[in-house]
Protein backbone atom coordinates (compact mmCIF):
# COMPACT_ATOMS: atom_id res chain seq x y z
CA GLY A 1 164.08 221.88 77.18
CA SER A 2 161.40 219.21 78.60
CA ASP A 3 161.04 217.27 75.13
CA MET A 4 164.90 217.37 74.75
CA SER A 5 165.42 215.59 78.23
CA ASN A 6 162.40 213.36 77.77
CA ALA A 7 164.01 212.31 74.00
CA SER A 8 167.63 211.71 75.69
CA ASN A 9 166.23 209.94 78.68
CA SER A 10 164.27 207.35 75.89
CA CYS A 11 167.69 206.63 74.09
CA PHE A 12 168.75 204.21 77.25
CA SER A 13 165.69 202.08 76.82
CA MET A 14 165.99 200.27 73.38
CA ASP A 15 162.70 198.79 73.58
CA SER A 16 161.18 201.96 74.37
CA MET A 17 162.49 203.72 70.99
CA ASP A 18 161.74 200.91 68.89
CA SER A 19 158.17 201.23 70.09
CA MET A 20 157.60 204.95 69.28
CA SER A 21 155.18 205.30 66.00
CA THR A 22 156.36 207.40 63.20
CA VAL A 23 153.17 209.92 63.82
CA GLU A 24 154.48 210.87 67.32
CA MET A 25 158.10 211.45 65.86
CA ASN A 26 156.57 214.10 63.42
CA SER A 27 154.46 215.54 65.59
CA SER A 28 156.95 218.18 66.58
CA ARG A 29 159.24 218.61 63.52
CA PRO A 30 162.11 221.11 64.67
CA GLN A 31 162.35 219.61 67.87
CA VAL A 32 162.01 216.07 66.57
CA SER A 33 164.96 216.77 63.99
CA VAL A 34 167.73 217.71 66.90
CA SER A 35 166.02 215.12 69.10
CA SER A 36 166.32 212.07 66.58
CA SER A 37 169.90 213.37 65.39
CA ALA A 38 171.27 212.98 68.79
CA THR A 39 169.45 209.91 70.05
CA SER A 40 170.57 208.03 67.15
CA SER A 41 174.30 209.06 68.00
CA ARG A 42 174.00 208.23 71.27
CA ARG A 43 171.86 204.96 70.16
CA ARG A 44 175.31 203.76 68.28
CA GLN A 45 177.69 204.79 71.28
CA ASN A 46 175.65 202.68 73.74
CA GLN A 47 175.52 199.57 70.84
CA LYS A 48 179.03 199.95 70.62
CA ARG A 49 179.70 200.03 74.24
CA GLN A 50 177.51 196.96 75.24
CA LYS A 51 178.87 194.86 72.40
CA ARG A 52 182.40 195.28 74.07
CA LYS A 53 180.89 194.19 77.49
CA PHE A 54 178.25 191.63 76.42
CA PRO A 55 179.35 189.95 72.95
CA ALA A 56 176.27 188.11 70.98
CA ASN A 57 177.86 184.96 72.03
CA GLY A 58 177.71 185.83 75.76
CA SER A 59 181.34 185.33 76.71
CA LEU A 60 183.84 187.82 77.69
CA SER A 61 186.45 189.02 75.00
CA PHE A 62 189.14 188.52 77.11
CA PRO A 63 188.94 186.95 80.65
CA TRP A 64 190.94 189.50 82.81
CA PRO A 65 189.37 188.31 86.24
CA PHE A 66 190.42 184.62 85.68
CA LEU A 67 193.80 185.97 84.58
CA VAL A 68 194.21 187.97 87.98
CA LEU A 69 193.11 185.10 89.98
CA ALA A 70 195.54 182.67 88.18
CA LEU A 71 198.41 185.17 88.95
CA ALA A 72 197.44 185.05 92.67
CA VAL A 73 197.34 181.34 93.03
CA PHE A 74 200.83 181.27 91.17
CA ARG A 75 201.90 183.69 93.62
CA LEU A 76 200.95 181.74 96.96
CA VAL A 77 202.03 178.64 95.60
CA LYS A 78 205.78 179.91 94.42
CA LEU A 79 205.49 181.88 98.69
CA GLU A 80 204.58 178.27 99.67
CA ILE A 81 206.99 176.36 97.96
CA LYS A 82 209.88 178.80 99.57
CA SER A 83 208.48 178.87 103.05
CA PRO A 84 205.66 176.26 104.12
CA LEU A 85 203.50 178.41 106.04
CA LEU A 86 200.96 175.90 105.57
CA TYR A 87 202.69 173.36 106.11
CA LYS A 88 204.37 174.42 109.23
CA ASN A 89 200.93 175.45 110.82
CA LEU A 90 199.72 171.80 110.27
CA ARG A 91 202.72 170.65 111.91
CA GLY A 92 202.17 173.32 115.04
CA GLU A 93 205.84 174.88 114.09
CA THR A 94 204.82 178.69 113.77
CA ASN A 95 204.02 181.34 115.89
CA TYR A 96 201.24 182.95 113.55
CA TYR A 97 198.55 181.43 115.51
CA THR A 98 198.27 178.22 117.80
CA SER A 99 196.96 175.26 116.51
CA LYS A 100 196.20 171.70 117.04
CA LYS A 101 198.87 169.60 115.67
CA ILE A 102 197.76 166.97 112.71
CA TYR A 103 199.92 164.47 112.04
CA ILE A 104 201.68 164.23 108.79
CA PRO A 105 203.31 161.01 107.92
CA PRO A 106 207.13 161.53 107.31
CA SER A 107 206.23 159.49 103.79
CA LEU A 108 204.81 162.89 102.74
CA ASP A 109 208.01 164.78 103.34
CA ALA A 110 210.03 165.57 100.33
CA ALA A 111 213.28 163.66 101.92
CA ASN A 112 211.22 160.50 101.46
CA GLN A 113 209.29 160.81 98.66
CA ARG A 114 210.39 156.97 97.60
CA ARG A 115 208.65 154.19 96.11
CA LEU A 116 208.18 152.91 99.90
CA SER A 117 205.59 151.05 101.17
CA LEU A 118 202.61 153.40 102.07
CA ASP A 119 200.98 154.34 105.21
CA LEU A 120 197.65 154.83 104.31
CA GLY A 121 196.72 155.30 108.01
CA ASN A 122 193.95 153.46 110.81
CA GLY A 123 196.56 150.28 110.34
CA ASN A 124 196.21 150.09 106.05
CA CYS A 125 198.95 150.15 103.81
CA LYS A 126 200.08 149.49 100.02
CA TRP A 127 203.20 147.33 99.74
CA GLN A 128 205.56 148.75 97.06
CA PRO A 129 208.88 147.97 95.84
CA PRO A 130 211.74 149.47 97.47
CA THR A 131 213.87 151.85 96.08
CA TYR A 132 216.80 150.23 94.34
CA ASP A 133 219.51 152.90 93.51
CA VAL A 134 220.87 153.66 96.61
CA PRO A 135 222.07 157.15 97.19
CA GLU A 136 226.12 156.65 98.67
CA SER A 137 225.30 160.01 100.78
CA ILE A 138 222.83 158.36 103.13
CA ASP A 139 224.12 157.10 106.69
CA PHE A 140 222.21 153.83 107.58
CA HIS A 141 222.20 151.60 110.51
CA LYS A 142 223.03 148.33 108.42
CA THR A 143 221.47 145.14 109.48
CA ILE A 144 222.96 141.26 108.34
CA ILE A 145 220.61 138.89 108.16
CA ALA A 146 222.33 135.42 108.91
CA GLY A 147 221.45 132.06 108.37
CA PHE A 148 222.08 128.77 107.05
CA PRO A 149 221.84 128.00 103.26
CA SER A 150 217.72 127.50 103.06
CA GLY A 151 216.26 130.35 101.06
CA ASP A 152 214.16 131.58 103.77
CA LYS A 153 216.75 134.79 104.44
CA ARG A 154 214.72 136.11 101.64
CA MET A 155 211.68 135.96 103.45
CA ILE A 156 213.50 138.14 106.27
CA PHE A 157 214.84 141.21 103.65
CA ILE A 158 211.77 141.48 101.59
CA GLN A 159 210.10 142.53 105.32
CA MET A 160 212.95 144.76 105.66
CA GLU A 161 212.37 146.15 102.37
CA ALA A 162 208.89 146.71 102.96
CA LEU A 163 209.09 147.90 106.27
CA ALA A 164 211.81 150.53 105.19
CA GLY A 165 211.81 150.79 101.67
CA TRP A 166 215.52 150.18 100.83
CA PRO A 167 216.91 146.94 99.13
CA ALA A 168 219.00 144.27 100.60
CA LYS A 169 222.30 142.83 98.64
CA ASP A 170 223.64 139.70 98.99
CA GLU A 171 227.46 138.73 100.58
CA TRP A 172 228.60 137.54 97.09
CA ASP A 173 226.96 140.63 95.48
CA PHE A 174 229.53 142.67 97.69
CA GLU A 175 232.67 140.64 96.99
CA TYR A 176 232.02 140.76 92.85
CA LYS A 177 230.66 143.95 92.27
CA GLY A 178 232.08 145.93 95.49
CA ILE A 179 230.97 147.66 98.39
CA THR A 180 227.58 149.76 97.94
CA ASN A 181 225.26 151.33 100.20
CA HIS A 182 222.72 148.61 100.73
CA PRO A 183 221.35 148.78 104.51
CA PHE A 184 220.01 145.14 104.38
CA ILE A 185 222.89 142.45 104.11
CA LYS A 186 221.99 138.47 103.37
CA ALA A 187 224.76 136.13 104.79
CA ASN A 188 225.47 132.41 104.79
CA TYR A 189 229.02 133.32 106.14
CA PRO A 190 230.35 131.56 108.01
CA HIS A 191 228.99 128.13 106.05
CA HIS A 192 231.02 127.26 103.25
CA GLU A 193 228.45 128.61 100.46
CA GLY A 194 228.73 132.23 102.29
CA ILE A 195 231.56 134.70 102.47
CA TRP A 196 232.39 137.74 103.93
CA GLY A 197 231.83 140.32 101.46
CA TRP A 198 230.76 143.57 103.04
CA GLY A 199 233.77 144.68 104.71
CA ASN A 200 233.09 146.14 107.72
CA VAL A 201 230.31 148.33 106.78
CA ALA A 202 227.61 146.38 108.67
CA ASP A 203 226.20 147.66 112.11
CA GLN A 204 224.20 145.06 113.61
CA THR A 205 223.02 141.15 112.91
CA ILE A 206 219.69 139.09 112.84
CA LEU A 207 219.71 135.35 112.77
CA MET A 208 217.40 133.53 110.77
CA VAL A 209 216.54 130.07 112.38
CA ARG A 210 214.66 127.44 110.38
CA ASN A 211 214.07 123.60 110.72
CA ILE A 212 216.87 121.43 110.20
CA ARG A 213 215.14 118.82 108.42
CA ARG A 214 213.59 121.50 105.97
CA SER A 215 216.59 123.11 105.53
CA MET A 216 218.59 120.35 104.21
CA VAL A 217 215.65 119.73 101.85
CA GLU A 218 216.48 123.26 100.16
CA TYR A 219 219.74 123.22 100.44
CA HIS A 220 220.39 120.04 98.76
CA ASP A 221 219.43 121.94 95.72
CA ILE A 222 222.99 123.49 95.83
CA LEU A 223 225.58 120.94 97.47
CA TRP A 224 227.09 121.04 93.92
CA ASP A 225 227.32 124.75 94.16
CA ILE A 226 226.44 127.35 91.20
CA GLY A 227 224.45 125.14 88.43
CA TYR A 228 225.08 121.54 89.37
CA ALA A 229 222.57 120.70 92.43
CA LYS A 230 218.70 120.14 91.29
CA THR A 231 218.80 117.30 88.85
CA TRP A 232 221.18 114.89 87.22
CA GLU A 233 221.21 116.97 83.97
CA ASP A 234 222.35 119.92 85.13
CA ALA A 235 224.82 118.75 87.80
CA THR A 236 226.94 117.20 84.68
CA LEU A 237 225.94 119.47 81.52
CA ASN A 238 229.33 121.23 82.15
CA THR A 239 231.63 118.34 83.37
CA ASP A 240 231.58 115.88 79.79
CA LYS A 241 235.14 117.85 78.99
CA LEU A 242 236.08 117.48 82.99
CA TYR A 243 235.82 113.70 83.31
CA THR A 244 235.77 111.10 80.68
CA GLU A 245 233.43 108.79 83.08
CA ARG A 246 230.09 109.43 84.47
CA PRO A 247 228.53 107.25 87.50
CA PRO A 248 225.31 106.26 87.53
CA ILE A 249 222.73 108.35 89.17
CA GLU A 250 222.72 105.98 92.42
CA ASP A 251 226.33 107.16 93.13
CA PHE A 252 224.97 110.46 93.15
CA PHE A 253 221.98 109.86 95.57
CA GLU A 254 224.67 108.31 98.07
CA TRP A 255 227.18 110.57 98.04
CA ARG A 256 224.86 113.40 98.56
CA ASP A 257 223.32 111.88 101.36
CA GLU A 258 227.03 111.34 102.66
CA ARG A 259 226.69 115.19 102.49
CA VAL A 260 223.69 116.16 104.00
CA LEU A 261 224.40 114.35 106.41
CA GLU A 262 227.84 116.24 107.33
CA GLU A 263 225.77 119.26 107.00
CA CYS A 264 223.95 118.56 110.28
CA TYR A 265 227.05 119.11 112.02
CA TRP A 266 227.31 122.38 110.12
CA TYR A 267 223.74 123.73 111.00
CA GLY A 268 224.90 123.67 114.88
CA TRP A 269 227.98 124.88 114.18
CA PHE A 270 226.40 127.97 112.54
CA ILE A 271 224.14 128.52 115.31
CA ASP A 272 227.19 128.31 117.75
CA TYR A 273 229.37 130.99 115.57
CA TRP A 274 226.48 133.54 115.73
CA MET A 275 225.22 133.28 118.73
CA GLU A 276 228.71 133.67 120.43
CA GLY A 277 230.30 136.25 118.36
CA GLY A 278 232.80 134.45 116.11
CA LEU A 279 234.01 132.03 118.59
CA MET A 280 236.40 129.85 116.61
CA ARG A 281 235.06 126.16 116.70
CA ASP A 282 235.58 122.70 115.39
CA ILE A 283 232.78 121.74 112.82
CA TYR A 284 232.56 118.28 114.14
CA THR A 285 233.31 117.74 117.29
CA HIS A 286 232.43 121.58 118.12
CA LYS A 287 235.28 121.89 120.55
CA LEU A 288 237.14 124.93 120.68
CA THR A 289 240.09 125.13 117.86
CA THR A 290 242.91 127.22 116.73
CA PRO A 291 243.21 129.99 114.08
CA GLU A 292 245.16 127.27 112.22
CA HIS A 293 242.40 124.97 111.90
CA TRP A 294 240.00 127.56 111.52
CA ASN A 295 241.84 128.85 108.68
CA MET A 296 241.58 125.39 107.15
CA LEU A 297 238.24 125.04 107.68
CA MET A 298 237.23 128.54 105.96
CA ILE A 299 238.82 127.23 102.44
CA PRO A 300 235.48 125.61 100.98
CA GLY A 301 236.82 122.37 99.54
CA GLY A 302 240.24 123.08 99.84
CA TYR A 303 241.05 119.98 102.20
CA ALA A 304 239.11 116.80 102.60
CA VAL A 305 237.16 115.48 105.32
CA GLU A 306 239.76 113.72 106.94
CA ASP A 307 242.29 116.02 106.47
CA LEU A 308 240.50 118.43 108.95
CA ASP A 309 240.41 115.91 111.63
CA TYR A 310 240.10 117.64 114.99
CA ASP A 311 242.82 115.42 116.86
CA LEU A 312 245.09 115.43 113.76
CA VAL A 313 245.33 119.06 113.64
CA VAL A 314 244.87 120.22 117.16
CA GLY A 315 245.34 117.04 119.30
CA ASP A 316 245.47 117.17 122.81
CA ARG A 317 247.07 121.06 123.20
CA GLU A 318 245.58 123.32 125.53
CA VAL A 319 243.39 125.71 123.08
CA THR A 320 242.69 129.58 123.85
CA PRO A 321 239.62 130.86 122.77
CA SER A 322 239.97 132.39 119.51
CA PHE A 323 237.33 134.30 117.69
CA ASP A 324 236.95 135.61 114.02
CA PRO A 325 238.78 138.70 113.17
CA HIS A 326 235.53 139.90 111.20
CA CYS A 327 233.84 139.89 114.76
CA SER A 328 237.07 140.74 117.05
CA ASN A 329 238.31 143.82 115.01
CA GLY A 330 234.77 145.54 114.57
CA ASP A 331 233.70 144.83 111.30
CA VAL A 332 230.08 144.97 112.77
CA THR A 333 230.05 147.81 114.28
CA ASP A 334 227.57 146.55 117.49
CA GLY A 335 229.58 143.28 117.79
CA CYS A 336 228.37 139.62 115.75
CA LYS A 337 226.15 138.48 118.55
CA PRO A 338 222.39 138.93 117.16
CA LYS A 339 220.21 141.33 118.06
CA ALA A 340 217.09 138.75 117.22
CA VAL A 341 216.72 135.17 116.46
CA ILE A 342 213.67 135.12 113.61
CA SER A 343 211.73 131.93 112.60
CA ALA A 344 210.95 131.63 109.14
CA GLU A 345 208.28 129.17 109.59
CA LYS A 346 206.29 131.33 111.96
CA LEU A 347 206.88 134.45 110.00
CA ARG A 348 204.66 132.54 107.39
CA ASP A 349 201.97 131.34 109.96
CA TYR A 350 198.57 133.35 110.10
CA THR A 351 198.47 133.44 113.76
CA GLU A 352 202.57 134.42 114.72
CA GLY A 353 203.31 135.33 111.29
CA PRO A 354 202.41 139.24 112.45
CA ALA A 355 204.71 139.16 115.89
CA GLU A 356 207.76 137.92 113.39
CA THR A 357 207.24 141.44 111.68
CA THR A 358 207.26 143.30 114.34
CA LYS A 359 210.42 141.54 115.77
CA ILE A 360 212.26 142.76 112.56
CA ALA A 361 210.44 146.14 112.65
CA ASN A 362 211.94 146.55 116.09
CA VAL A 363 215.32 145.65 115.14
CA LEU A 364 215.67 148.32 112.73
CA MET A 365 214.34 151.07 114.77
CA ASN A 366 217.39 150.23 117.35
CA ASP A 367 218.88 153.03 115.32
CA GLN A 368 217.20 156.41 114.22
CA ARG A 369 219.30 156.38 110.63
CA MET A 370 217.29 153.44 109.80
CA GLY A 371 214.14 154.01 112.43
CA LYS A 372 213.56 157.12 110.85
CA TYR A 373 212.39 154.93 107.22
CA VAL A 374 210.29 152.30 108.85
CA ILE A 375 206.79 152.75 108.52
CA ALA A 376 204.50 153.60 111.37
CA GLN A 377 203.76 150.85 114.05
CA GLU A 378 200.10 150.71 113.30
CA ALA A 379 201.22 149.64 110.00
CA TRP A 380 203.37 146.49 110.29
CA ASP A 381 200.82 144.07 111.03
CA CYS A 382 199.73 145.13 107.75
CA ILE A 383 203.18 144.80 105.62
CA TRP A 384 202.92 141.40 106.80
CA GLU A 385 199.38 140.76 105.13
CA GLU A 386 200.65 142.01 102.00
CA LEU A 387 203.63 140.16 101.87
CA ILE A 388 202.42 136.63 103.36
CA VAL A 389 198.66 136.97 102.92
CA ARG A 390 198.52 138.63 99.30
CA GLY A 391 201.74 137.64 97.99
CA LYS A 392 202.83 140.59 97.00
CA GLY A 393 206.89 140.96 96.61
CA VAL A 394 209.76 138.99 94.89
CA LYS A 395 209.42 135.40 94.53
CA THR A 396 210.61 133.18 97.24
CA VAL A 397 211.31 129.35 97.93
CA TYR A 398 207.51 128.77 98.59
CA ASP A 399 206.54 130.08 95.06
CA ARG A 400 208.66 127.02 93.41
CA PRO A 401 206.69 124.84 90.99
CA GLY A 402 207.11 121.21 91.60
CA LEU A 403 208.40 119.13 94.31
CA THR A 404 208.53 120.67 97.46
CA GLU A 405 210.30 119.98 101.07
CA HIS A 406 207.66 118.06 102.32
CA ASP A 407 207.78 115.63 98.92
CA TYR A 408 211.02 114.17 100.54
CA ASN A 409 211.40 111.56 102.69
CA PHE A 410 214.12 111.22 105.70
CA SER A 411 215.75 107.70 106.68
CA ALA A 412 215.88 107.01 110.39
CA GLU A 413 219.67 107.25 110.14
CA MET A 414 219.46 110.90 108.64
CA LEU A 415 216.53 111.75 111.22
CA GLY A 416 218.62 110.36 113.98
CA GLY A 417 221.76 112.89 113.13
CA MET A 418 219.25 115.63 113.20
CA ILE A 419 217.71 115.00 116.53
CA ARG A 420 221.31 114.42 117.97
CA GLU A 421 222.41 117.56 116.77
CA LEU A 422 219.38 119.32 117.87
CA ASP A 423 219.72 117.92 121.32
CA ARG A 424 223.09 119.09 121.94
CA LEU A 425 221.72 122.71 120.71
CA ILE A 426 218.89 122.29 123.20
CA ALA A 427 221.43 121.01 126.24
CA LYS A 428 223.63 123.94 125.44
CA TYR A 429 221.52 127.01 125.14
CA SER A 430 218.84 125.98 128.23
CA GLY A 431 221.88 125.60 130.43
CA ASN A 432 222.90 128.38 133.25
CA LYS A 433 225.13 130.28 131.16
CA TRP A 434 222.24 130.78 128.78
CA ASN A 435 218.98 131.02 130.37
CA SER A 436 219.15 134.74 130.92
CA ASN A 437 219.54 135.33 127.48
CA THR A 438 216.61 136.17 125.46
CA ASP A 439 218.00 134.90 122.08
CA ALA A 440 219.29 131.71 123.46
CA ASN A 441 215.68 131.33 124.84
CA ARG A 442 214.44 131.87 121.39
CA ILE A 443 216.38 129.13 120.07
CA VAL A 444 215.58 126.33 122.65
CA GLU A 445 211.78 127.43 122.13
CA LEU A 446 212.27 127.10 117.95
CA ILE A 447 214.55 123.70 118.45
CA VAL A 448 212.43 122.22 120.85
CA GLU A 449 209.21 122.54 118.53
CA HIS A 450 211.68 121.21 115.34
CA ARG A 451 212.95 118.45 117.15
CA ALA A 452 209.09 117.07 118.12
CA LEU A 453 208.08 117.24 114.62
CA ILE A 454 211.24 115.21 113.49
CA GLN A 455 210.52 112.73 116.25
CA VAL A 456 207.26 111.92 115.16
CA GLU A 457 208.71 111.12 111.55
CA PHE A 458 211.69 108.98 113.24
CA ASN A 459 209.06 107.16 114.37
CA GLU A 460 206.92 106.67 111.28
CA VAL A 461 209.82 105.46 109.38
CA ASN A 462 210.97 103.09 111.94
CA SER A 463 207.34 101.63 112.11
CA GLY A 464 207.05 101.49 108.61
CA LEU A 465 204.01 103.92 108.38
CA ARG A 466 206.31 106.23 105.97
CA LYS A 467 207.30 104.84 102.96
CA LEU A 468 210.65 105.51 101.77
CA THR A 469 211.80 106.04 97.84
CA ASP A 470 215.66 105.25 96.42
CA ARG A 471 215.41 109.66 95.37
CA ASP A 472 215.02 110.23 99.19
CA PHE A 473 217.39 111.37 101.58
CA LEU A 474 218.17 107.85 102.94
CA GLY A 475 221.70 108.22 104.49
CA PRO A 476 224.64 105.82 103.71
CA LYS A 477 223.46 102.67 105.99
CA GLU A 478 219.70 102.51 104.09
CA ARG A 479 221.47 103.01 100.78
CA ARG A 480 223.83 100.25 100.88
CA ARG A 481 221.41 98.03 102.80
CA ARG A 482 218.89 98.66 99.80
CA LEU A 483 221.81 97.85 97.50
CA LYS A 484 222.34 94.87 98.84
CA LEU A 485 218.97 93.47 98.35
CA LYS A 486 218.90 94.61 94.87
CA GLU A 487 222.21 92.29 94.28
CA LYS A 488 220.77 89.78 95.67
CA ASP A 489 217.34 90.00 93.98
CA ASN A 490 219.31 90.23 90.60
CA LYS A 491 221.64 87.89 91.23
CA LEU A 492 224.34 90.02 90.41
CA GLY A 493 226.06 90.45 94.01
CA THR A 494 229.92 89.18 92.68
CA GLN A 495 229.65 91.99 90.04
CA GLN A 496 228.48 94.62 92.03
CA THR A 497 231.00 94.12 95.11
CA LYS A 498 233.17 95.27 92.26
CA ARG A 499 231.89 98.38 91.49
CA LYS A 500 233.76 101.36 91.09
CA ASP A 501 233.97 104.07 94.41
CA SER A 502 232.56 107.06 92.61
CA SER A 503 233.21 109.47 95.70
CA LYS A 504 236.50 110.85 94.07
CA TYR A 505 234.58 111.72 91.40
CA PHE A 506 232.15 114.13 92.86
CA ARG A 507 234.76 115.17 95.66
CA LYS A 508 236.87 115.92 92.48
CA LEU A 509 233.83 117.57 90.58
CA GLU A 510 233.29 119.92 93.97
CA ARG A 511 236.41 121.17 94.28
CA GLU A 512 236.50 122.16 90.53
CA ALA A 513 233.46 124.17 91.17
CA ASN A 514 234.84 125.83 94.40
CA ALA A 515 237.96 126.29 92.22
CA GLN A 516 235.72 128.06 89.27
CA LYS A 517 234.39 130.36 92.48
CA LYS A 518 238.01 131.10 94.05
CA ARG A 519 239.13 132.39 90.13
CA LYS A 520 236.17 134.11 89.52
CA ARG A 521 236.59 136.11 93.24
CA ARG A 522 240.66 136.74 91.93
CA ASP A 523 239.53 138.34 88.73
CA MET A 524 236.87 140.39 90.15
CA ARG A 525 239.16 141.76 92.82
CA LYS A 526 241.53 142.30 89.76
CA LEU A 527 239.54 144.35 87.13
CA ARG A 528 238.06 146.54 90.59
CA LYS A 529 241.31 146.91 91.14
CA GLU A 530 242.41 148.45 87.64
CA SER A 531 239.30 150.17 87.59
CA LYS A 532 240.45 152.30 90.56
CA MET A 533 243.87 152.92 88.98
CA GLU A 534 242.26 154.29 86.02
CA GLY A 535 239.91 156.36 87.81
CA ASP A 536 242.72 157.64 90.05
CA ALA A 537 244.87 158.17 86.77
CA MET A 538 242.08 160.27 85.38
CA PRO A 539 242.49 164.05 85.35
């Protein structure tokens, strides 16, 4: 028994079994015979067990522990998705235990997983383009960005897009393509380049004010409306079939100067319209006017300037203040008067620019329906840096190659017209009626700065320090004076005095462009109506 026990114990040590000598195994034959048989059997069984547990390559035959662990993780994730306990604990919204609240930016919420600008914390951010596919189910508080045609409204709406993550849409796109849920609306209305195309979906307004001189430089490229403005060749590209005669380019410059000089009146009239909540005024005299006269003014190219004369249409009759029905009928929920006045020049200023972005963001925060989408306040300066300093986002007027607004000069006549209009605005909005109005004070502040710059240029032109060329904005008087000098030098005075007046050509060209615009609007309305009828007819 003792020998069997010793033999049995020896089977658990492969090394000791292998080390036994043949002489030792044969020393007790009967017992060894039984012992070695049992030992061999046990040894084979143990070897099989060892192979099952530890294969020769050292790996498990089946990863049961890992499978169990994976199932446990899957179960945990599934439960967390259904009832986010960790999320609630971090937000302090659970009673399981008391914990310190940790701020999780709203941009990480499932409802806000869009391509909005990223708040990286500690005032850092990363610009992202907005989500261009706007769901119709979201109730936005919508903002109009109103401004005289100049390209700088884009500067403001790309700030809004970066701050809130939703896109802007042009007034003409609303008119042609139909009403959509875009929360930011770019508008030139009531200028003749604009249209009230957004119906009654807007809630508030921001007024963009830019230097009148710089606005005219940018705007002159669109004086001939779509497709005509940038060069003489572009302006006449599609007109060969309409007219048999092409005037010289000097005539175009003369006509352009007259139009731009008129636009100085439109500039001030545009500001008055929004500041006074849509009050109807004449463009050229700025007097209160009648709905009849107003409706004539609202038809682009529909009447010659002389036919719109205030004394001719209104005369001496007493005029009761009337408001644009869009404003008086509540097409803008909070009214047409602006919630803020934004400076395009200051927005690009490296010192004052961040403050303009803050003004824009604060307007969006006026209502929680939009405010909840605005990036954290500590990241507002970073958004400004991303767009202005680093040049992220879509192209703006400041990215345009070639000539810039500083490459054009203005004659004393045209600069004088600008100064007179600015003087009128300064006197009006610094008066007793307006001196307690924050937006009026801002307009006066901006326009006083603009006037000072124009006055410097006016003095330089009068002193001869600033030289003018024929392609500059000369105004009718200066251009005629130069023409007479050319006639004298070339001894062609007699012939040139008989030169044909081409002003009718350009007015006809402009009216044709406006007629094309009207036809397009009519066709789009018809198409939308037919599409709606087809949709209603479908079972």
